[in-house]
Amino acid sequence: MYRELSGMRSKLLGFVNDIEHMKGPESDVLKPHIPHFQDIARTIDWKLEILTRVCPFDWTGYAGVEKTASVQVQELSEKEPIAAGYLGG
């Protein structure tokens, strides 16, 4: 996940750099969007910072890590009435 997010951030910043060096009518259309792209890159950077603080270990090369997770579905009894937002318990 870290690699994917940092790759997205790098691509966004590269895109901003390309727009800044563009000439012609295309640059006039894209330049107003630069602050938005930079804001997205800052948000991704913030998420990366949170991710590295919460889970500082790099799991990428670890063979024991599952790529998917499975969760058992809880059977709801027909005896209990179910209200909106109520899952029982």
PDB file of N, CA and C in Angstrom:
ATOM      1  N   MET A   1       0.829  -1.178   0.000  1.00  0.00           N
ATOM      2  CA  MET A   1       0.000   0.000   0.000  1.00  0.00           C
ATOM      3  C   MET A   1       0.881   1.252   0.000  1.00  0.00           C
ATOM      4  N   TYR A   2       1.951   1.224   0.794  1.00  0.00           N
ATOM      5  CA  TYR A   2       2.833   2.382   0.862  1.00  0.00           C
ATOM      6  C   TYR A   2       3.412   2.698  -0.516  1.00  0.00           C
ATOM      7  N   ARG A   3       3.842   1.668  -1.214  1.00  0.00           N
ATOM      8  CA  ARG A   3       4.419   1.868  -2.549  1.00  0.00           C
ATOM      9  C   ARG A   3       3.400   2.458  -3.520  1.00  0.00           C
ATOM     10  N   GLU A   4       2.180   1.949  -3.463  1.00  0.00           N
ATOM     11  CA  GLU A   4       1.139   2.456  -4.366  1.00  0.00           C
ATOM     12  C   GLU A   4       0.826   3.925  -4.086  1.00  0.00           C
ATOM     13  N   LEU A   5       0.672   4.273  -2.811  1.00  0.00           N
ATOM     14  CA  LEU A   5       0.372   5.658  -2.465  1.00  0.00           C
ATOM     15  C   LEU A   5       1.528   6.589  -2.806  1.00  0.00           C
ATOM     16  N   SER A   6       2.748   6.163  -2.512  1.00  0.00           N
ATOM     17  CA  SER A   6       3.876   7.033  -2.839  1.00  0.00           C
ATOM     18  C   SER A   6       4.051   7.143  -4.350  1.00  0.00           C
ATOM     19  N   GLY A   7       3.700   6.086  -5.084  1.00  0.00           N
ATOM     20  CA  GLY A   7       3.727   6.161  -6.549  1.00  0.00           C
ATOM     21  C   GLY A   7       2.700   7.143  -7.080  1.00  0.00           C
ATOM     22  N   MET A   8       1.505   7.133  -6.487  1.00  0.00           N
ATOM     23  CA  MET A   8       0.463   8.082  -6.892  1.00  0.00           C
ATOM     24  C   MET A   8       0.917   9.518  -6.632  1.00  0.00           C
ATOM     25  N   ARG A   9       1.526   9.721  -5.467  1.00  0.00           N
ATOM     26  CA  ARG A   9       2.003  11.061  -5.108  1.00  0.00           C
ATOM     27  C   ARG A   9       3.073  11.521  -6.095  1.00  0.00           C
ATOM     28  N   SER A  10       3.996  10.639  -6.421  1.00  0.00           N
ATOM     29  CA  SER A  10       5.065  10.988  -7.372  1.00  0.00           C
ATOM     30  C   SER A  10       4.493  11.315  -8.749  1.00  0.00           C
ATOM     31  N   LYS A  11       3.516  10.540  -9.188  1.00  0.00           N
ATOM     32  CA  LYS A  11       2.900  10.797 -10.495  1.00  0.00           C
ATOM     33  C   LYS A  11       2.178  12.138 -10.508  1.00  0.00           C
ATOM     34  N   LEU A  12       1.471  12.454  -9.416  1.00  0.00           N
ATOM     35  CA  LEU A  12       0.776  13.741  -9.340  1.00  0.00           C
ATOM     36  C   LEU A  12       1.762  14.907  -9.393  1.00  0.00           C
ATOM     37  N   LEU A  13       2.856  14.790  -8.623  1.00  0.00           N
ATOM     38  CA  LEU A  13       3.834  15.870  -8.622  1.00  0.00           C
ATOM     39  C   LEU A  13       4.535  15.975  -9.972  1.00  0.00           C
ATOM     40  N   GLY A  14       4.761  14.848 -10.631  1.00  0.00           N
ATOM     41  CA  GLY A  14       5.325  14.869 -11.975  1.00  0.00           C
ATOM     42  C   GLY A  14       4.369  15.508 -12.963  1.00  0.00           C
ATOM     43  N   PHE A  15       3.087  15.233 -12.806  1.00  0.00           N
ATOM     44  CA  PHE A  15       2.062  15.824 -13.668  1.00  0.00           C
ATOM     45  C   PHE A  15       2.028  17.339 -13.484  1.00  0.00           C
ATOM     46  N   VAL A  16       2.119  17.788 -12.225  1.00  0.00           N
ATOM     47  CA  VAL A  16       2.149  19.226 -11.939  1.00  0.00           C
ATOM     48  C   VAL A  16       3.373  19.861 -12.593  1.00  0.00           C
ATOM     49  N   ASN A  17       4.509  19.197 -12.488  1.00  0.00           N
ATOM     50  CA  ASN A  17       5.733  19.700 -13.102  1.00  0.00           C
ATOM     51  C   ASN A  17       5.582  19.798 -14.624  1.00  0.00           C
ATOM     52  N   ASP A  18       4.980  18.792 -15.228  1.00  0.00           N
ATOM     53  CA  ASP A  18       4.747  18.812 -16.678  1.00  0.00           C
ATOM     54  C   ASP A  18       3.831  19.971 -17.079  1.00  0.00           C
ATOM     55  N   ILE A  19       2.785  20.200 -16.285  1.00  0.00           N
ATOM     56  CA  ILE A  19       1.853  21.287 -16.588  1.00  0.00           C
ATOM     57  C   ILE A  19       2.562  22.639 -16.491  1.00  0.00           C
ATOM     58  N   GLU A  20       3.402  22.782 -15.451  1.00  0.00           N
ATOM     59  CA  GLU A  20       4.100  24.053 -15.264  1.00  0.00           C
ATOM     60  C   GLU A  20       5.054  24.364 -16.420  1.00  0.00           C
ATOM     61  N   HIS A  21       5.585  23.338 -17.064  1.00  0.00           N
ATOM     62  CA  HIS A  21       6.514  23.547 -18.170  1.00  0.00           C
ATOM     63  C   HIS A  21       5.836  23.512 -19.540  1.00  0.00           C
ATOM     64  N   MET A  22       4.535  23.339 -19.560  1.00  0.00           N
ATOM     65  CA  MET A  22       3.786  23.307 -20.817  1.00  0.00           C
ATOM     66  C   MET A  22       3.652  24.694 -21.407  1.00  0.00           C
ATOM     67  N   LYS A  23       3.531  24.725 -22.703  1.00  0.00           N
ATOM     68  CA  LYS A  23       3.266  25.987 -23.399  1.00  0.00           C
ATOM     69  C   LYS A  23       2.105  25.755 -24.355  1.00  0.00           C
ATOM     70  N   GLY A  24       1.390  26.798 -24.624  1.00  0.00           N
ATOM     71  CA  GLY A  24       0.282  26.678 -25.555  1.00  0.00           C
ATOM     72  C   GLY A  24      -1.054  26.715 -24.851  1.00  0.00           C
ATOM     73  N   PRO A  25      -2.117  26.472 -25.621  1.00  0.00           N
ATOM     74  CA  PRO A  25      -3.471  26.569 -25.059  1.00  0.00           C
ATOM     75  C   PRO A  25      -3.771  25.492 -24.015  1.00  0.00           C
ATOM     76  N   GLU A  26      -3.100  24.332 -24.110  1.00  0.00           N
ATOM     77  CA  GLU A  26      -3.354  23.281 -23.132  1.00  0.00           C
ATOM     78  C   GLU A  26      -2.940  23.717 -21.730  1.00  0.00           C
ATOM     79  N   SER A  27      -1.843  24.477 -21.654  1.00  0.00           N
ATOM     80  CA  SER A  27      -1.376  24.917 -20.337  1.00  0.00           C
ATOM     81  C   SER A  27      -2.377  25.870 -19.689  1.00  0.00           C
ATOM     82  N   ASP A  28      -3.022  26.708 -20.489  1.00  0.00           N
ATOM     83  CA  ASP A  28      -4.020  27.631 -19.941  1.00  0.00           C
ATOM     84  C   ASP A  28      -5.212  26.886 -19.357  1.00  0.00           C
ATOM     85  N   VAL A  29      -5.544  25.753 -19.946  1.00  0.00           N
ATOM     86  CA  VAL A  29      -6.664  24.952 -19.461  1.00  0.00           C
ATOM     87  C   VAL A  29      -6.287  24.201 -18.180  1.00  0.00           C
ATOM     88  N   LEU A  30      -5.048  23.698 -18.109  1.00  0.00           N
ATOM     89  CA  LEU A  30      -4.647  22.847 -16.990  1.00  0.00           C
ATOM     90  C   LEU A  30      -4.066  23.594 -15.796  1.00  0.00           C
ATOM     91  N   LYS A  31      -3.485  24.763 -16.004  1.00  0.00           N
ATOM     92  CA  LYS A  31      -2.836  25.482 -14.898  1.00  0.00           C
ATOM     93  C   LYS A  31      -3.764  25.803 -13.725  1.00  0.00           C
ATOM     94  N   PRO A  32      -5.034  26.121 -13.938  1.00  0.00           N
ATOM     95  CA  PRO A  32      -5.906  26.368 -12.781  1.00  0.00           C
ATOM     96  C   PRO A  32      -6.103  25.137 -11.887  1.00  0.00           C
ATOM     97  N   HIS A  33      -5.796  23.950 -12.396  1.00  0.00           N
ATOM     98  CA  HIS A  33      -5.980  22.723 -11.615  1.00  0.00           C
ATOM     99  C   HIS A  33      -4.761  22.358 -10.777  1.00  0.00           C
ATOM    100  N   ILE A  34      -3.654  23.062 -10.957  1.00  0.00           N
ATOM    101  CA  ILE A  34      -2.420  22.744 -10.227  1.00  0.00           C
ATOM    102  C   ILE A  34      -2.620  22.768  -8.714  1.00  0.00           C
ATOM    103  N   PRO A  35      -3.276  23.776  -8.135  1.00  0.00           N
ATOM    104  CA  PRO A  35      -3.469  23.752  -6.676  1.00  0.00           C
ATOM    105  C   PRO A  35      -4.243  22.519  -6.200  1.00  0.00           C
ATOM    106  N   HIS A  36      -5.203  22.084  -6.982  1.00  0.00           N
ATOM    107  CA  HIS A  36      -5.974  20.891  -6.615  1.00  0.00           C
ATOM    108  C   HIS A  36      -5.077  19.655  -6.625  1.00  0.00           C
ATOM    109  N   PHE A  37      -4.240  19.499  -7.647  1.00  0.00           N
ATOM    110  CA  PHE A  37      -3.323  18.359  -7.716  1.00  0.00           C
ATOM    111  C   PHE A  37      -2.325  18.395  -6.564  1.00  0.00           C
ATOM    112  N   GLN A  38      -1.836  19.589  -6.222  1.00  0.00           N
ATOM    113  CA  GLN A  38      -0.904  19.711  -5.101  1.00  0.00           C
ATOM    114  C   GLN A  38      -1.589  19.386  -3.784  1.00  0.00           C
ATOM    115  N   ASP A  39      -2.855  19.743  -3.655  1.00  0.00           N
ATOM    116  CA  ASP A  39      -3.616  19.424  -2.453  1.00  0.00           C
ATOM    117  C   ASP A  39      -3.794  17.909  -2.318  1.00  0.00           C
ATOM    118  N   ILE A  40      -4.078  17.236  -3.421  1.00  0.00           N
ATOM    119  CA  ILE A  40      -4.205  15.773  -3.396  1.00  0.00           C
ATOM    120  C   ILE A  40      -2.870  15.145  -3.000  1.00  0.00           C
ATOM    121  N   ALA A  41      -1.768  15.656  -3.547  1.00  0.00           N
ATOM    122  CA  ALA A  41      -0.442  15.129  -3.212  1.00  0.00           C
ATOM    123  C   ALA A  41      -0.142  15.327  -1.728  1.00  0.00           C
ATOM    124  N   ARG A  42      -0.526  16.480  -1.163  1.00  0.00           N
ATOM    125  CA  ARG A  42      -0.326  16.714   0.276  1.00  0.00           C
ATOM    126  C   ARG A  42      -1.181  15.763   1.106  1.00  0.00           C
ATOM    127  N   THR A  43      -2.406  15.501   0.658  1.00  0.00           N
ATOM    128  CA  THR A  43      -3.279  14.565   1.374  1.00  0.00           C
ATOM    129  C   THR A  43      -2.683  13.163   1.362  1.00  0.00           C
ATOM    130  N   ILE A  44      -2.170  12.735   0.217  1.00  0.00           N
ATOM    131  CA  ILE A  44      -1.527  11.416   0.130  1.00  0.00           C
ATOM    132  C   ILE A  44      -0.304  11.373   1.039  1.00  0.00           C
ATOM    133  N   ASP A  45       0.475  12.457   1.071  1.00  0.00           N
ATOM    134  CA  ASP A  45       1.645  12.526   1.939  1.00  0.00           C
ATOM    135  C   ASP A  45       1.241  12.409   3.404  1.00  0.00           C
ATOM    136  N   TRP A  46       0.142  13.066   3.770  1.00  0.00           N
ATOM    137  CA  TRP A  46      -0.377  12.985   5.134  1.00  0.00           C
ATOM    138  C   TRP A  46      -0.799  11.556   5.466  1.00  0.00           C
ATOM    139  N   LYS A  47      -1.464  10.896   4.510  1.00  0.00           N
ATOM    140  CA  LYS A  47      -1.876   9.502   4.719  1.00  0.00           C
ATOM    141  C   LYS A  47      -0.658   8.591   4.868  1.00  0.00           C
ATOM    142  N   LEU A  48       0.373   8.837   4.085  1.00  0.00           N
ATOM    143  CA  LEU A  48       1.599   8.051   4.183  1.00  0.00           C
ATOM    144  C   LEU A  48       2.249   8.226   5.548  1.00  0.00           C
ATOM    145  N   GLU A  49       2.224   9.450   6.058  1.00  0.00           N
ATOM    146  CA  GLU A  49       2.792   9.709   7.375  1.00  0.00           C
ATOM    147  C   GLU A  49       2.025   8.944   8.450  1.00  0.00           C
ATOM    148  N   ILE A  50       0.703   8.957   8.352  1.00  0.00           N
ATOM    149  CA  ILE A  50      -0.120   8.208   9.310  1.00  0.00           C
ATOM    150  C   ILE A  50       0.168   6.720   9.190  1.00  0.00           C
ATOM    151  N   LEU A  51       0.243   6.227   7.966  1.00  0.00           N
ATOM    152  CA  LEU A  51       0.486   4.807   7.738  1.00  0.00           C
ATOM    153  C   LEU A  51       1.824   4.369   8.323  1.00  0.00           C
ATOM    154  N   THR A  52       2.856   5.172   8.164  1.00  0.00           N
ATOM    155  CA  THR A  52       4.167   4.781   8.688  1.00  0.00           C
ATOM    156  C   THR A  52       4.216   4.861  10.204  1.00  0.00           C
ATOM    157  N   ARG A  53       3.406   5.725  10.811  1.00  0.00           N
ATOM    158  CA  ARG A  53       3.382   5.788  12.280  1.00  0.00           C
ATOM    159  C   ARG A  53       2.562   4.658  12.879  1.00  0.00           C
ATOM    160  N   VAL A  54       1.471   4.321  12.234  1.00  0.00           N
ATOM    161  CA  VAL A  54       0.593   3.275  12.758  1.00  0.00           C
ATOM    162  C   VAL A  54       1.198   1.893  12.515  1.00  0.00           C
ATOM    163  N   CYS A  55       1.758   1.696  11.347  1.00  0.00           N
ATOM    164  CA  CYS A  55       2.302   0.391  10.970  1.00  0.00           C
ATOM    165  C   CYS A  55       3.707   0.599  10.396  1.00  0.00           C
ATOM    166  N   PRO A  56       4.720   0.798  11.263  1.00  0.00           N
ATOM    167  CA  PRO A  56       6.045   1.117  10.775  1.00  0.00           C
ATOM    168  C   PRO A  56       6.780  -0.053  10.123  1.00  0.00           C
ATOM    169  N   PHE A  57       6.279  -1.264  10.253  1.00  0.00           N
ATOM    170  CA  PHE A  57       6.950  -2.428   9.693  1.00  0.00           C
ATOM    171  C   PHE A  57       6.618  -2.581   8.217  1.00  0.00           C
ATOM    172  N   ASP A  58       7.596  -2.892   7.412  1.00  0.00           N
ATOM    173  CA  ASP A  58       7.401  -3.099   5.975  1.00  0.00           C
ATOM    174  C   ASP A  58       7.063  -4.572   5.741  1.00  0.00           C
ATOM    175  N   TRP A  59       5.814  -4.851   5.393  1.00  0.00           N
ATOM    176  CA  TRP A  59       5.346  -6.220   5.213  1.00  0.00           C
ATOM    177  C   TRP A  59       5.548  -6.737   3.799  1.00  0.00           C
ATOM    178  N   THR A  60       6.107  -5.957   2.908  1.00  0.00           N
ATOM    179  CA  THR A  60       6.126  -6.310   1.491  1.00  0.00           C
ATOM    180  C   THR A  60       6.849  -7.607   1.191  1.00  0.00           C
ATOM    181  N   GLY A  61       7.933  -7.911   1.901  1.00  0.00           N
ATOM    182  CA  GLY A  61       8.683  -9.117   1.577  1.00  0.00           C
ATOM    183  C   GLY A  61       8.352 -10.301   2.465  1.00  0.00           C
ATOM    184  N   TYR A  62       7.428 -10.140   3.375  1.00  0.00           N
ATOM    185  CA  TYR A  62       7.113 -11.194   4.334  1.00  0.00           C
ATOM    186  C   TYR A  62       6.193 -12.228   3.714  1.00  0.00           C
ATOM    187  N   ALA A  63       6.626 -13.493   3.702  1.00  0.00           N
ATOM    188  CA  ALA A  63       5.873 -14.557   3.032  1.00  0.00           C
ATOM    189  C   ALA A  63       4.621 -14.976   3.796  1.00  0.00           C
ATOM    190  N   GLY A  64       4.562 -14.709   5.087  1.00  0.00           N
ATOM    191  CA  GLY A  64       3.437 -15.167   5.891  1.00  0.00           C
ATOM    192  C   GLY A  64       2.228 -14.241   5.873  1.00  0.00           C
ATOM    193  N   VAL A  65       2.271 -13.186   5.133  1.00  0.00           N
ATOM    194  CA  VAL A  65       1.166 -12.228   5.113  1.00  0.00           C
ATOM    195  C   VAL A  65       0.172 -12.610   4.029  1.00  0.00           C
ATOM    196  N   GLU A  66      -1.097 -12.700   4.424  1.00  0.00           N
ATOM    197  CA  GLU A  66      -2.142 -12.995   3.452  1.00  0.00           C
ATOM    198  C   GLU A  66      -2.503 -11.732   2.689  1.00  0.00           C
ATOM    199  N   LYS A  67      -2.838 -11.893   1.434  1.00  0.00           N
ATOM    200  CA  LYS A  67      -3.210 -10.742   0.616  1.00  0.00           C
ATOM    201  C   LYS A  67      -4.695 -10.427   0.735  1.00  0.00           C
ATOM    202  N   THR A  68      -5.489 -11.372   1.231  1.00  0.00           N
ATOM    203  CA  THR A  68      -6.916 -11.152   1.424  1.00  0.00           C
ATOM    204  C   THR A  68      -7.305 -11.551   2.838  1.00  0.00           C
ATOM    205  N   ALA A  69      -8.458 -11.122   3.265  1.00  0.00           N
ATOM    206  CA  ALA A  69      -8.964 -11.478   4.586  1.00  0.00           C
ATOM    207  C   ALA A  69     -10.357 -12.063   4.428  1.00  0.00           C
ATOM    208  N   SER A  70     -10.682 -13.017   5.271  1.00  0.00           N
ATOM    209  CA  SER A  70     -12.019 -13.590   5.215  1.00  0.00           C
ATOM    210  C   SER A  70     -12.702 -13.371   6.560  1.00  0.00           C
ATOM    211  N   VAL A  71     -13.972 -13.055   6.490  1.00  0.00           N
ATOM    212  CA  VAL A  71     -14.755 -12.784   7.683  1.00  0.00           C
ATOM    213  C   VAL A  71     -16.007 -13.648   7.619  1.00  0.00           C
ATOM    214  N   GLN A  72     -16.330 -14.310   8.734  1.00  0.00           N
ATOM    215  CA  GLN A  72     -17.528 -15.130   8.761  1.00  0.00           C
ATOM    216  C   GLN A  72     -18.763 -14.242   8.795  1.00  0.00           C
ATOM    217  N   VAL A  73     -19.769 -14.637   8.054  1.00  0.00           N
ATOM    218  CA  VAL A  73     -21.028 -13.908   8.029  1.00  0.00           C
ATOM    219  C   VAL A  73     -21.882 -14.404   9.178  1.00  0.00           C
ATOM    220  N   GLN A  74     -22.409 -13.472   9.956  1.00  0.00           N
ATOM    221  CA  GLN A  74     -23.230 -13.828  11.097  1.00  0.00           C
ATOM    222  C   GLN A  74     -24.649 -14.101  10.634  1.00  0.00           C
ATOM    223  N   GLU A  75     -25.173 -15.234  11.044  1.00  0.00           N
ATOM    224  CA  GLU A  75     -26.547 -15.591  10.705  1.00  0.00           C
ATOM    225  C   GLU A  75     -27.494 -14.829  11.631  1.00  0.00           C
ATOM    226  N   LEU A  76     -28.476 -14.172  11.051  1.00  0.00           N
ATOM    227  CA  LEU A  76     -29.463 -13.457  11.838  1.00  0.00           C
ATOM    228  C   LEU A  76     -30.656 -14.375  12.099  1.00  0.00           C
ATOM    229  N   SER A  77     -31.124 -14.364  13.343  1.00  0.00           N
ATOM    230  CA  SER A  77     -32.270 -15.213  13.655  1.00  0.00           C
ATOM    231  C   SER A  77     -33.545 -14.528  13.188  1.00  0.00           C
ATOM    232  N   GLU A  78     -34.492 -15.347  12.776  1.00  0.00           N
ATOM    233  CA  GLU A  78     -35.756 -14.796  12.296  1.00  0.00           C
ATOM    234  C   GLU A  78     -36.685 -14.468  13.461  1.00  0.00           C
ATOM    235  N   LYS A  79     -36.321 -14.879  14.669  1.00  0.00           N
ATOM    236  CA  LYS A  79     -37.154 -14.631  15.839  1.00  0.00           C
ATOM    237  C   LYS A  79     -37.061 -13.180  16.298  1.00  0.00           C
ATOM    238  N   GLU A  80     -35.864 -12.605  16.144  1.00  0.00           N
ATOM    239  CA  GLU A  80     -35.674 -11.217  16.594  1.00  0.00           C
ATOM    240  C   GLU A  80     -36.077 -10.252  15.486  1.00  0.00           C
ATOM    241  N   PRO A  81     -36.887  -9.235  15.808  1.00  0.00           N
ATOM    242  CA  PRO A  81     -37.175  -8.225  14.800  1.00  0.00           C
ATOM    243  C   PRO A  81     -35.916  -7.382  14.553  1.00  0.00           C
ATOM    244  N   ILE A  82     -35.718  -7.005  13.322  1.00  0.00           N
ATOM    245  CA  ILE A  82     -34.531  -6.234  12.977  1.00  0.00           C
ATOM    246  C   ILE A  82     -34.945  -4.815  12.651  1.00  0.00           C
ATOM    247  N   ALA A  83     -34.383  -3.872  13.390  1.00  0.00           N
ATOM    248  CA  ALA A  83     -34.642  -2.460  13.119  1.00  0.00           C
ATOM    249  C   ALA A  83     -33.532  -1.941  12.210  1.00  0.00           C
ATOM    250  N   ALA A  84     -33.786  -0.833  11.571  1.00  0.00           N
ATOM    251  CA  ALA A  84     -32.778  -0.234  10.684  1.00  0.00           C
ATOM    252  C   ALA A  84     -31.519   0.069  11.488  1.00  0.00           C
ATOM    253  N   GLY A  85     -30.391  -0.429  11.024  1.00  0.00           N
ATOM    254  CA  GLY A  85     -29.123  -0.189  11.689  1.00  0.00           C
ATOM    255  C   GLY A  85     -28.828  -1.176  12.812  1.00  0.00           C
ATOM    256  N   TYR A  86     -29.733  -2.117  13.086  1.00  0.00           N
ATOM    257  CA  TYR A  86     -29.540  -3.062  14.166  1.00  0.00           C
ATOM    258  C   TYR A  86     -29.073  -4.389  13.577  1.00  0.00           C
ATOM    259  N   LEU A  87     -27.920  -4.882  14.073  1.00  0.00           N
ATOM    260  CA  LEU A  87     -27.412  -6.155  13.595  1.00  0.00           C
ATOM    261  C   LEU A  87     -27.474  -7.237  14.666  1.00  0.00           C
ATOM    262  N   GLY A  88     -28.082  -6.958  15.763  1.00  0.00           N
ATOM    263  CA  GLY A  88     -28.205  -7.957  16.810  1.00  0.00           C
ATOM    264  C   GLY A  88     -27.023  -7.912  17.751  1.00  0.00           C
ATOM    265  N   GLY A  89     -27.103  -8.694  18.802  1.00  0.00           N
ATOM    266  CA  GLY A  89     -25.966  -8.753  19.710  1.00  0.00           C
ATOM    267  C   GLY A  89     -26.332  -8.412  21.107  1.00  0.00           C
TER     268      GLY A  89
END
